[in-house]
Amino acid sequence: MSLLTTLENAIAQSPMHEFLPKNILGWKTSEATKLYSDKEIYDYMNGAGEIYRAYNFKDLLVQRYINKQQQEILVEIFDMQSSEDAFGVFTHTHGRGKKANIGQGSEYQRGLLCFWKERYFICIRAENETPDAKKTVLELGKYISKAIKVKGNKPALLQFLSENEYVDSNLRYFHKYEILNIHFYIADENILYLDENSNGLIVPHKEDKSRLLLLQYPSEEKSTIAYQNFLKHYMPDATTEGIIQTENRKYTISEKVKNYIFIIFDATDQKHGIAIIEKIKRRLP
């Protein structure tokens, strides 16, 4: 069996190929569909591949469309294996565009539509944002979203948040400390012992712009080890365990409960930071 035949079989077996139309609004496919798996993503993109692999990426399906003027629209469908990770990789960049009401969460900006639905994260990009290209990008998004028949679940950690308290567009969901450090730098080293088995989110509070870091570990033992290491390296001079006033005269407040760690960064008021953690603790299962 040739390499080409093997690739064609892999594409045919992937449910993603069923999500794409052959043509839409005068635009048609311009070349064969391509499929990239695991480390093959580096053949398609360089450094950005690490972001997707940090969210348990499985496969990427790529399709290009052109119109009569030879303008191009690029469609990328990422199979993230779980709806939680599809949501997570969406949060990695969201907050930059306007909501498009496509899929289970979407944004459109300057010819680029990104959205997630079930276990898939989709990006559709127009080479030139003409009115026709923009209309087609959005119609492609609606077509793909409709073709994905079921909806997925958001990460369970979100149940601890109240929508009127936090800035949803700046929420980030992740597993690994490399992703956390992109959005909020903690330390060069992985002092919180985050890995593919941990779940985390960081989000600013609407009231004082403090940031809540909420982490879930697979066991209480692992959360205990991680928390003690965090205290040792991040707040060794704290006079009260889990609370320290930083150089900007704001507070970092932390606590561990069961297999969860709660940390508030840049709280303007110590009592307010403690109250945030207490409120979340009451929502624990």
Protein backbone atom coordinates (compact mmCIF):
# COMPACT_ATOMS: atom_id res chain seq x y z
CA MET A 1 0.00 0.00 0.00
CA SER A 2 1.45 3.39 -1.03
CA LEU A 3 1.92 6.30 1.34
CA LEU A 4 -0.69 8.27 -0.61
CA THR A 5 -3.22 5.45 -0.29
CA THR A 6 -2.51 5.17 3.42
CA LEU A 7 -3.10 8.92 3.85
CA GLU A 8 -6.30 8.80 1.82
CA ASN A 9 -7.56 5.94 4.00
CA ALA A 10 -6.71 7.85 7.17
CA ILE A 11 -8.60 10.90 5.92
CA ALA A 12 -11.59 8.78 4.89
CA GLN A 13 -11.69 7.15 8.34
CA SER A 14 -11.55 10.48 10.14
CA PRO A 15 -15.02 11.88 10.92
CA MET A 16 -13.64 15.36 10.22
CA HIS A 17 -13.70 14.90 6.45
CA GLU A 18 -17.49 14.69 6.63
CA PHE A 19 -17.69 18.20 8.10
CA LEU A 20 -16.53 19.95 4.91
CA PRO A 21 -18.50 20.91 1.78
CA LYS A 22 -16.96 20.50 -1.68
CA ASN A 23 -18.07 24.01 -2.56
CA ILE A 24 -19.90 26.85 -0.88
CA LEU A 25 -21.09 30.25 -2.14
CA GLY A 26 -18.94 29.98 -5.28
CA TRP A 27 -15.82 28.81 -3.45
CA LYS A 28 -14.53 25.28 -4.09
CA THR A 29 -11.80 23.05 -2.74
CA SER A 30 -8.49 23.88 -4.38
CA GLU A 31 -6.39 20.86 -3.41
CA ALA A 32 -6.60 17.51 -1.67
CA THR A 33 -7.48 17.39 2.01
CA LYS A 34 -4.44 16.97 4.27
CA LEU A 35 -4.22 15.21 7.61
CA TYR A 36 -1.54 15.76 10.26
CA SER A 37 -1.25 13.62 13.39
CA ASP A 38 0.62 14.15 16.65
CA LYS A 39 4.20 15.30 15.89
CA GLU A 40 3.37 15.68 12.20
CA ILE A 41 1.80 18.97 13.19
CA TYR A 42 5.34 20.38 13.16
CA ASP A 43 5.43 19.69 9.42
CA TYR A 44 2.53 22.12 9.10
CA MET A 45 3.35 24.66 11.82
CA ASN A 46 6.44 25.19 13.94
CA GLY A 47 6.28 26.58 17.47
CA ALA A 48 2.48 26.80 17.57
CA GLY A 49 2.32 23.01 17.44
CA GLU A 50 3.40 22.87 21.09
CA ILE A 51 0.25 24.73 22.11
CA TYR A 52 -2.06 22.13 20.58
CA ARG A 53 -0.03 19.21 21.90
CA ALA A 54 -0.29 20.72 25.39
CA TYR A 55 -4.06 20.19 25.03
CA ASN A 56 -3.82 16.51 23.96
CA PHE A 57 -4.15 17.20 20.24
CA LYS A 58 -4.76 14.12 18.05
CA ASP A 59 -5.29 15.09 14.38
CA LEU A 60 -5.45 18.19 12.21
CA LEU A 61 -7.45 18.25 8.98
CA VAL A 62 -6.58 21.04 6.53
CA GLN A 63 -8.62 22.10 3.51
CA ARG A 64 -8.15 25.07 1.19
CA TYR A 65 -10.86 26.79 -0.87
CA ILE A 66 -10.56 29.30 -3.74
CA ASN A 67 -12.96 31.48 -5.69
CA LYS A 68 -12.85 32.68 -9.31
CA GLN A 69 -10.43 35.46 -8.36
CA GLN A 70 -8.05 32.81 -6.92
CA GLN A 71 -8.45 34.18 -3.41
CA GLU A 72 -8.03 31.57 -0.69
CA ILE A 73 -9.82 30.48 2.46
CA LEU A 74 -8.03 28.04 4.77
CA VAL A 75 -9.94 25.64 7.04
CA GLU A 76 -8.23 23.88 9.95
CA ILE A 77 -10.10 21.35 12.07
CA PHE A 78 -8.29 20.11 15.17
CA ASP A 79 -9.43 16.92 16.89
CA MET A 80 -8.55 17.59 20.52
CA GLN A 81 -9.96 14.22 21.76
CA SER A 82 -12.21 15.85 24.40
CA SER A 83 -14.60 18.77 24.53
CA GLU A 84 -12.73 20.11 27.57
CA ASP A 85 -9.52 20.40 25.57
CA ALA A 86 -11.31 21.86 22.55
CA PHE A 87 -12.67 24.51 24.91
CA GLY A 88 -9.23 24.93 26.46
CA VAL A 89 -7.38 25.60 23.24
CA PHE A 90 -10.15 28.04 22.25
CA THR A 91 -9.58 29.98 25.48
CA HIS A 92 -5.88 30.21 24.68
CA THR A 93 -6.56 33.05 22.23
CA HIS A 94 -10.13 34.19 22.80
CA GLY A 95 -10.94 37.72 23.91
CA ARG A 96 -9.50 39.41 20.82
CA GLY A 97 -12.48 39.40 18.48
CA LYS A 98 -16.26 39.64 18.41
CA LYS A 99 -18.56 36.74 19.21
CA ALA A 100 -19.89 35.07 16.08
CA ASN A 101 -22.57 32.81 17.61
CA ILE A 102 -21.19 29.71 15.91
CA GLY A 103 -20.51 26.40 17.65
CA GLN A 104 -20.29 26.45 21.44
CA GLY A 105 -18.03 29.49 21.56
CA SER A 106 -16.66 31.59 18.73
CA GLU A 107 -14.85 34.77 17.76
CA TYR A 108 -14.31 36.56 14.46
CA GLN A 109 -11.62 39.14 13.75
CA ARG A 110 -10.11 40.39 10.48
CA GLY A 111 -10.98 37.41 8.34
CA LEU A 112 -10.32 34.79 11.02
CA LEU A 113 -13.11 32.76 12.62
CA CYS A 114 -12.27 30.42 15.50
CA PHE A 115 -14.78 28.30 17.36
CA TRP A 116 -15.15 25.03 19.24
CA LYS A 117 -17.81 22.35 19.29
CA GLU A 118 -17.73 18.95 20.95
CA ARG A 119 -14.09 17.75 20.76
CA TYR A 120 -13.16 19.93 17.79
CA PHE A 121 -11.47 23.32 17.53
CA ILE A 122 -11.88 25.02 14.16
CA CYS A 123 -10.11 27.96 12.53
CA ILE A 124 -11.23 29.41 9.20
CA ARG A 125 -9.07 32.16 7.70
CA ALA A 126 -9.59 34.32 4.61
CA GLU A 127 -6.47 35.37 2.73
CA ASN A 128 -8.10 38.76 2.06
CA GLU A 129 -11.07 39.93 4.10
CA THR A 130 -13.42 41.01 1.33
CA PRO A 131 -17.17 41.13 2.02
CA ASP A 132 -17.55 37.92 -0.03
CA ALA A 133 -14.73 36.17 1.83
CA LYS A 134 -16.10 37.20 5.23
CA LYS A 135 -19.57 35.91 4.32
CA THR A 136 -18.09 32.61 3.13
CA VAL A 137 -15.91 32.19 6.22
CA LEU A 138 -18.96 32.57 8.44
CA GLU A 139 -21.08 30.25 6.27
CA LEU A 140 -18.33 27.63 6.37
CA GLY A 141 -18.30 27.91 10.14
CA LYS A 142 -22.07 27.42 10.32
CA TYR A 143 -21.85 24.45 7.94
CA ILE A 144 -19.12 22.73 9.97
CA SER A 145 -20.84 23.45 13.27
CA LYS A 146 -24.09 21.94 11.98
CA ALA A 147 -22.21 18.88 10.69
CA ILE A 148 -20.88 18.22 14.21
CA LYS A 149 -24.08 16.70 15.54
CA VAL A 150 -23.50 16.74 19.28
CA LYS A 151 -22.34 19.28 21.84
CA GLY A 152 -19.55 18.78 24.36
CA ASN A 153 -19.14 19.63 28.00
CA LYS A 154 -17.09 22.49 29.35
CA PRO A 155 -14.47 21.69 32.03
CA ALA A 156 -15.96 20.85 35.41
CA LEU A 157 -13.80 23.53 37.06
CA LEU A 158 -16.05 26.21 35.58
CA GLN A 159 -18.85 25.18 37.92
CA PHE A 160 -16.98 26.96 40.73
CA LEU A 161 -17.22 30.34 38.98
CA SER A 162 -20.07 32.82 38.94
CA GLU A 163 -20.50 34.51 35.53
CA ASN A 164 -21.12 37.93 37.07
CA GLU A 165 -17.86 37.83 39.06
CA TYR A 166 -15.22 36.99 36.45
CA VAL A 167 -14.09 38.28 33.04
CA ASP A 168 -15.12 35.41 30.77
CA SER A 169 -13.22 36.66 27.71
CA ASN A 170 -9.95 36.46 29.68
CA LEU A 171 -10.50 33.00 31.16
CA ARG A 172 -7.82 30.44 30.27
CA TYR A 173 -8.13 26.69 30.80
CA PHE A 174 -5.02 24.52 30.68
CA HIS A 175 -3.13 21.46 31.95
CA LYS A 176 0.55 22.36 31.84
CA TYR A 177 2.58 25.13 33.43
CA GLU A 178 3.99 26.20 30.04
CA ILE A 179 0.52 27.37 29.05
CA LEU A 180 -0.10 29.00 32.43
CA ASN A 181 3.15 30.94 32.18
CA ILE A 182 2.13 32.34 28.80
CA HIS A 183 -0.91 33.97 30.36
CA PHE A 184 0.35 34.61 33.88
CA TYR A 185 3.98 34.06 34.74
CA ILE A 186 4.56 32.10 37.96
CA ALA A 187 8.15 30.85 37.79
CA ASP A 188 10.69 29.42 35.37
CA GLU A 189 10.35 26.03 36.98
CA ASN A 190 7.16 23.97 37.27
CA ILE A 191 6.80 24.68 41.00
CA LEU A 192 3.12 23.66 40.98
CA TYR A 193 3.91 20.26 39.45
CA LEU A 194 1.39 20.67 36.64
CA ASP A 195 1.16 18.02 33.93
CA GLU A 196 -1.31 16.41 31.52
CA ASN A 197 -3.23 14.94 34.48
CA SER A 198 -3.87 18.28 36.18
CA ASN A 199 -6.58 20.77 35.28
CA GLY A 200 -6.34 24.49 35.79
CA LEU A 201 -7.94 27.79 35.01
CA ILE A 202 -6.91 31.36 35.56
CA VAL A 203 -9.30 34.28 35.26
CA PRO A 204 -9.42 37.92 36.43
CA HIS A 205 -12.04 39.05 38.92
CA LYS A 206 -14.29 41.82 37.64
CA GLU A 207 -14.23 43.83 40.85
CA ASP A 208 -10.55 44.38 41.62
CA LYS A 209 -8.81 42.71 38.64
CA SER A 210 -7.15 40.20 40.94
CA ARG A 211 -6.54 36.83 39.30
CA LEU A 212 -7.91 33.53 40.48
CA LEU A 213 -5.82 30.44 39.77
CA LEU A 214 -7.80 27.25 40.41
CA LEU A 215 -6.00 23.91 40.10
CA GLN A 216 -7.30 20.35 40.31
CA TYR A 217 -4.96 17.38 40.79
CA PRO A 218 -5.68 13.68 40.28
CA SER A 219 -5.15 13.00 44.00
CA GLU A 220 -4.97 14.81 47.32
CA GLU A 221 -1.43 13.55 47.79
CA LYS A 222 -0.27 15.26 44.62
CA SER A 223 -2.02 18.51 45.48
CA THR A 224 -0.39 18.50 48.93
CA ILE A 225 3.10 18.03 47.49
CA ALA A 226 2.48 20.72 44.87
CA TYR A 227 1.10 23.18 47.41
CA GLN A 228 4.00 22.79 49.81
CA ASN A 229 6.42 23.30 46.94
CA PHE A 230 4.56 26.43 45.86
CA LEU A 231 4.72 27.89 49.38
CA LYS A 232 8.42 27.08 49.63
CA HIS A 233 9.38 28.74 46.35
CA TYR A 234 6.80 31.48 45.83
CA MET A 235 6.20 32.83 49.33
CA PRO A 236 9.05 31.66 51.58
CA ASP A 237 8.93 34.91 53.62
CA ALA A 238 5.21 34.78 54.40
CA THR A 239 4.45 35.42 58.09
CA THR A 240 1.06 33.74 57.69
CA GLU A 241 0.92 30.48 55.72
CA GLY A 242 -0.61 31.05 52.32
CA ILE A 243 -0.71 34.87 52.53
CA ILE A 244 1.93 37.40 51.53
CA GLN A 245 1.98 41.07 50.56
CA THR A 246 4.01 41.56 47.40
CA GLU A 247 6.17 44.47 46.24
CA ASN A 248 3.23 46.15 44.50
CA ARG A 249 1.50 46.28 47.92
CA LYS A 250 -1.10 43.78 46.80
CA TYR A 251 -1.69 40.31 48.21
CA THR A 252 -1.19 36.73 47.09
CA ILE A 253 -3.52 34.42 49.00
CA SER A 254 -3.56 30.64 48.68
CA GLU A 255 -5.15 27.57 50.18
CA LYS A 256 -5.35 23.85 49.50
CA VAL A 257 -8.55 21.85 50.01
CA LYS A 258 -8.80 18.16 49.10
CA ASN A 259 -7.19 17.80 45.67
CA TYR A 260 -7.66 21.49 44.79
CA ILE A 261 -5.38 24.50 45.14
CA PHE A 262 -6.79 28.04 45.13
CA ILE A 263 -4.52 31.05 44.62
CA ILE A 264 -5.50 34.72 44.37
CA PHE A 265 -2.87 37.00 42.83
CA ASP A 266 -2.83 40.80 43.11
CA ALA A 267 -5.73 41.14 45.53
CA THR A 268 -6.06 44.79 46.55
CA ASP A 269 -7.58 43.80 49.87
CA GLN A 270 -6.63 40.77 51.97
CA LYS A 271 -10.16 40.19 53.28
CA HIS A 272 -11.61 40.32 49.79
CA GLY A 273 -9.11 37.74 48.54
CA ILE A 274 -9.91 35.40 51.41
CA ALA A 275 -13.64 35.87 50.76
CA ILE A 276 -13.19 34.82 47.12
CA ILE A 277 -11.55 31.56 48.18
CA GLU A 278 -14.18 30.90 50.85
CA LYS A 279 -16.95 31.34 48.30
CA ILE A 280 -15.33 28.82 45.93
CA LYS A 281 -14.74 26.34 48.75
CA ARG A 282 -18.48 26.30 49.45
CA ARG A 283 -19.04 25.19 45.85
CA LEU A 284 -16.74 22.17 46.09
CA PRO A 285 -18.36 18.75 45.64
